[in-house]
N, C-alpha and C. Protein backbone atom coordinates (compact mmCIF):
# COMPACT_ATOMS: atom_id res chain seq x y z
N MET A 1 16.97 7.81 -19.84
CA MET A 1 16.22 6.61 -20.13
C MET A 1 16.39 5.56 -19.02
N ASN A 2 17.63 5.42 -18.55
CA ASN A 2 17.90 4.44 -17.51
C ASN A 2 17.21 4.79 -16.20
N LYS A 3 17.15 6.09 -15.88
CA LYS A 3 16.49 6.53 -14.65
C LYS A 3 14.98 6.27 -14.73
N THR A 4 14.40 6.50 -15.90
CA THR A 4 12.97 6.24 -16.10
C THR A 4 12.69 4.75 -15.96
N LYS A 5 13.55 3.93 -16.52
CA LYS A 5 13.39 2.48 -16.43
C LYS A 5 13.46 2.02 -14.97
N ASN A 6 14.41 2.54 -14.21
CA ASN A 6 14.53 2.18 -12.80
C ASN A 6 13.30 2.61 -12.00
N THR A 7 12.78 3.78 -12.32
CA THR A 7 11.59 4.27 -11.62
C THR A 7 10.38 3.38 -11.92
N LEU A 8 10.23 2.98 -13.18
CA LEU A 8 9.12 2.10 -13.54
C LEU A 8 9.25 0.73 -12.88
N ILE A 9 10.46 0.23 -12.78
CA ILE A 9 10.68 -1.05 -12.09
C ILE A 9 10.31 -0.93 -10.62
N LEU A 10 10.70 0.16 -9.97
CA LEU A 10 10.35 0.38 -8.56
C LEU A 10 8.84 0.46 -8.37
N ILE A 11 8.17 1.22 -9.22
CA ILE A 11 6.71 1.35 -9.11
C ILE A 11 6.03 0.00 -9.31
N PHE A 12 6.50 -0.75 -10.30
CA PHE A 12 5.92 -2.07 -10.55
C PHE A 12 6.11 -3.00 -9.36
N LEU A 13 7.31 -3.03 -8.80
CA LEU A 13 7.57 -3.92 -7.67
C LEU A 13 6.75 -3.55 -6.44
N VAL A 14 6.60 -2.26 -6.16
CA VAL A 14 5.82 -1.83 -5.00
C VAL A 14 4.34 -2.15 -5.21
N LEU A 15 3.81 -1.86 -6.40
CA LEU A 15 2.41 -2.19 -6.67
C LEU A 15 2.15 -3.69 -6.63
N ALA A 16 3.08 -4.48 -7.17
CA ALA A 16 2.94 -5.93 -7.11
C ALA A 16 2.96 -6.41 -5.66
N ALA A 17 3.80 -5.82 -4.83
CA ALA A 17 3.86 -6.19 -3.42
C ALA A 17 2.55 -5.86 -2.71
N ILE A 18 1.97 -4.71 -3.01
CA ILE A 18 0.70 -4.33 -2.38
C ILE A 18 -0.42 -5.27 -2.81
N ILE A 19 -0.48 -5.60 -4.09
CA ILE A 19 -1.54 -6.47 -4.59
C ILE A 19 -1.37 -7.89 -4.04
N LEU A 20 -0.15 -8.41 -4.06
CA LEU A 20 0.08 -9.75 -3.51
C LEU A 20 -0.20 -9.82 -2.02
N SER A 21 0.17 -8.78 -1.28
CA SER A 21 -0.10 -8.79 0.16
C SER A 21 -1.60 -8.73 0.44
N ALA A 22 -2.35 -8.00 -0.37
CA ALA A 22 -3.80 -7.95 -0.19
C ALA A 22 -4.42 -9.31 -0.49
N LEU A 23 -3.96 -9.97 -1.55
CA LEU A 23 -4.47 -11.29 -1.90
C LEU A 23 -4.14 -12.31 -0.82
N ILE A 24 -2.90 -12.36 -0.40
CA ILE A 24 -2.50 -13.33 0.62
C ILE A 24 -3.14 -13.00 1.96
N GLY A 25 -3.30 -11.72 2.26
CA GLY A 25 -3.97 -11.32 3.50
C GLY A 25 -5.42 -11.77 3.53
N THR A 26 -6.10 -11.68 2.40
CA THR A 26 -7.48 -12.14 2.32
C THR A 26 -7.56 -13.66 2.50
N LEU A 27 -6.62 -14.37 1.91
CA LEU A 27 -6.63 -15.83 2.01
C LEU A 27 -6.26 -16.33 3.40
N THR A 28 -5.44 -15.59 4.14
CA THR A 28 -4.98 -16.06 5.45
C THR A 28 -5.70 -15.43 6.63
N GLN A 29 -6.71 -14.60 6.40
CA GLN A 29 -7.36 -13.93 7.53
C GLN A 29 -8.13 -14.89 8.43
N ASP A 30 -8.52 -16.05 7.92
CA ASP A 30 -9.26 -17.01 8.73
C ASP A 30 -8.39 -18.14 9.26
N VAL A 31 -7.10 -18.15 8.92
CA VAL A 31 -6.17 -19.18 9.40
C VAL A 31 -5.61 -18.70 10.74
N GLY A 32 -5.82 -19.49 11.77
CA GLY A 32 -5.49 -19.09 13.13
C GLY A 32 -4.05 -18.64 13.35
N PHE A 33 -3.08 -19.45 12.92
CA PHE A 33 -1.69 -19.12 13.22
C PHE A 33 -1.11 -18.08 12.26
N LEU A 34 -1.84 -17.71 11.22
CA LEU A 34 -1.40 -16.65 10.30
C LEU A 34 -2.20 -15.36 10.45
N LYS A 35 -3.10 -15.32 11.42
CA LYS A 35 -3.96 -14.16 11.59
C LYS A 35 -3.17 -12.90 11.95
N TRP A 36 -2.01 -13.04 12.57
CA TRP A 36 -1.20 -11.88 12.95
C TRP A 36 -0.69 -11.12 11.72
N LEU A 37 -0.60 -11.79 10.58
CA LEU A 37 -0.15 -11.11 9.37
C LEU A 37 -1.14 -10.05 8.89
N THR A 38 -2.41 -10.22 9.24
CA THR A 38 -3.43 -9.28 8.79
C THR A 38 -3.73 -8.20 9.83
N TRP A 39 -2.99 -8.19 10.94
CA TRP A 39 -3.20 -7.15 11.94
C TRP A 39 -2.69 -5.83 11.39
N GLY A 40 -3.50 -4.79 11.56
CA GLY A 40 -3.08 -3.49 11.08
C GLY A 40 -4.00 -2.39 11.56
N GLU A 41 -3.68 -1.20 11.16
CA GLU A 41 -4.43 -0.02 11.55
C GLU A 41 -4.77 0.80 10.31
N SER A 42 -5.78 1.62 10.47
CA SER A 42 -6.16 2.55 9.42
C SER A 42 -5.57 3.92 9.74
N VAL A 43 -4.96 4.52 8.74
CA VAL A 43 -4.33 5.82 8.90
C VAL A 43 -5.00 6.78 7.93
N GLY A 44 -5.26 7.99 8.38
CA GLY A 44 -5.84 8.96 7.46
C GLY A 44 -6.59 10.06 8.18
N PHE A 45 -7.30 10.84 7.40
CA PHE A 45 -8.13 11.90 7.97
C PHE A 45 -9.47 11.91 7.26
N ASP A 46 -10.48 12.37 8.00
CA ASP A 46 -11.82 12.44 7.44
C ASP A 46 -11.98 13.71 6.62
N ALA A 47 -13.16 13.90 6.16
CA ALA A 47 -13.46 14.95 5.19
C ALA A 47 -13.01 16.33 5.65
N VAL A 48 -12.29 17.01 4.77
CA VAL A 48 -11.94 18.40 4.92
C VAL A 48 -12.69 19.13 3.81
N ASN A 49 -13.54 20.06 4.17
CA ASN A 49 -14.37 20.73 3.17
C ASN A 49 -13.79 22.07 2.76
N LEU A 50 -13.85 22.34 1.48
CA LEU A 50 -13.45 23.62 0.92
C LEU A 50 -14.66 24.17 0.17
N ASP A 51 -15.29 25.18 0.75
CA ASP A 51 -16.50 25.76 0.16
C ASP A 51 -16.14 27.09 -0.49
N LEU A 52 -16.24 27.15 -1.81
CA LEU A 52 -15.92 28.36 -2.56
C LEU A 52 -17.16 29.05 -3.10
N SER A 53 -18.29 28.80 -2.50
CA SER A 53 -19.62 29.30 -2.82
C SER A 53 -20.13 28.84 -4.18
N ILE A 54 -19.29 28.63 -5.15
CA ILE A 54 -19.72 28.08 -6.43
C ILE A 54 -19.54 26.56 -6.43
N ILE A 55 -18.48 26.14 -5.82
CA ILE A 55 -18.14 24.72 -5.80
C ILE A 55 -17.77 24.33 -4.37
N ASP A 56 -18.16 23.14 -4.00
CA ASP A 56 -17.86 22.60 -2.67
C ASP A 56 -17.02 21.34 -2.87
N ILE A 57 -15.81 21.34 -2.34
CA ILE A 57 -14.89 20.23 -2.52
C ILE A 57 -14.61 19.60 -1.16
N SER A 58 -14.66 18.27 -1.13
CA SER A 58 -14.34 17.53 0.09
C SER A 58 -13.15 16.62 -0.16
N PHE A 59 -12.21 16.65 0.76
CA PHE A 59 -11.03 15.80 0.68
C PHE A 59 -11.03 14.86 1.87
N SER A 60 -10.70 13.60 1.62
CA SER A 60 -10.46 12.67 2.71
C SER A 60 -9.44 11.65 2.22
N PHE A 61 -8.73 11.07 3.16
CA PHE A 61 -7.69 10.11 2.83
C PHE A 61 -7.67 9.03 3.90
N HIS A 62 -7.76 7.78 3.49
CA HIS A 62 -7.65 6.65 4.40
C HIS A 62 -6.80 5.58 3.77
N MET A 63 -5.94 4.99 4.57
CA MET A 63 -5.09 3.92 4.10
C MET A 63 -4.97 2.90 5.22
N GLN A 64 -5.23 1.65 4.88
CA GLN A 64 -5.09 0.59 5.88
C GLN A 64 -3.76 -0.11 5.65
N VAL A 65 -2.98 -0.20 6.70
CA VAL A 65 -1.66 -0.82 6.63
C VAL A 65 -1.67 -2.02 7.57
N ASN A 66 -1.17 -3.17 7.06
CA ASN A 66 -1.05 -4.33 7.93
C ASN A 66 0.37 -4.90 7.86
N VAL A 67 0.64 -5.88 8.69
CA VAL A 67 1.99 -6.44 8.80
C VAL A 67 2.44 -7.05 7.48
N LEU A 68 1.55 -7.75 6.81
CA LEU A 68 1.90 -8.41 5.56
C LEU A 68 2.30 -7.39 4.48
N GLN A 69 1.61 -6.26 4.42
CA GLN A 69 1.96 -5.23 3.45
C GLN A 69 3.35 -4.66 3.73
N VAL A 70 3.65 -4.43 4.98
CA VAL A 70 4.97 -3.89 5.34
C VAL A 70 6.06 -4.88 4.96
N LEU A 71 5.84 -6.16 5.23
CA LEU A 71 6.84 -7.18 4.87
C LEU A 71 7.03 -7.28 3.36
N PHE A 72 5.93 -7.26 2.61
CA PHE A 72 6.03 -7.37 1.16
C PHE A 72 6.67 -6.13 0.53
N ILE A 73 6.36 -4.97 1.03
CA ILE A 73 6.97 -3.75 0.48
C ILE A 73 8.46 -3.72 0.80
N ALA A 74 8.84 -4.15 2.00
CA ALA A 74 10.26 -4.23 2.33
C ALA A 74 10.98 -5.22 1.42
N ALA A 75 10.34 -6.36 1.15
CA ALA A 75 10.94 -7.35 0.24
C ALA A 75 11.04 -6.78 -1.18
N ALA A 76 10.05 -6.01 -1.61
CA ALA A 76 10.10 -5.39 -2.94
C ALA A 76 11.24 -4.39 -3.04
N LEU A 77 11.46 -3.62 -1.99
CA LEU A 77 12.56 -2.66 -2.00
C LEU A 77 13.92 -3.35 -2.01
N LEU A 78 14.04 -4.45 -1.28
CA LEU A 78 15.28 -5.22 -1.31
C LEU A 78 15.51 -5.84 -2.69
N LEU A 79 14.44 -6.34 -3.29
CA LEU A 79 14.54 -6.89 -4.64
C LEU A 79 14.91 -5.82 -5.65
N TYR A 80 14.39 -4.61 -5.47
CA TYR A 80 14.73 -3.50 -6.35
C TYR A 80 16.22 -3.17 -6.27
N LYS A 81 16.76 -3.18 -5.07
CA LYS A 81 18.20 -2.90 -4.92
C LYS A 81 19.05 -3.94 -5.65
N LYS A 82 18.60 -5.21 -5.63
CA LYS A 82 19.34 -6.26 -6.33
C LYS A 82 19.18 -6.16 -7.84
N VAL A 83 17.98 -5.83 -8.31
CA VAL A 83 17.71 -5.74 -9.74
C VAL A 83 18.39 -4.53 -10.35
N ARG A 84 18.39 -3.44 -9.63
CA ARG A 84 18.95 -2.19 -10.13
C ARG A 84 20.43 -2.33 -10.25
C-alpha cells in the first residue's frame, strides 16, 4: 500500500510540474527577459507504418521539451524526495 501511495504521489507531482510549466511557458513566451525559459526542441519520430493487409497501423511519437519543463520536473523530483 505504501509503495502504491508513493508511486501515485510521484505521478501527481510530475504531471503537476508538466502542466504548470506549460501554463507558465505560455504566459512568459512574449516576455523578453523570460523568453529563454521557453527555448526547447522537439524529440520524436515520424510515422512508422505496419501493414498487415487487413489492418494498417501507423505509429508516431513527438514530445517538445523546454527549459521550464526540465526545471519544474527537477523541482518535482526534489519535492518527492522530501515528501517521501
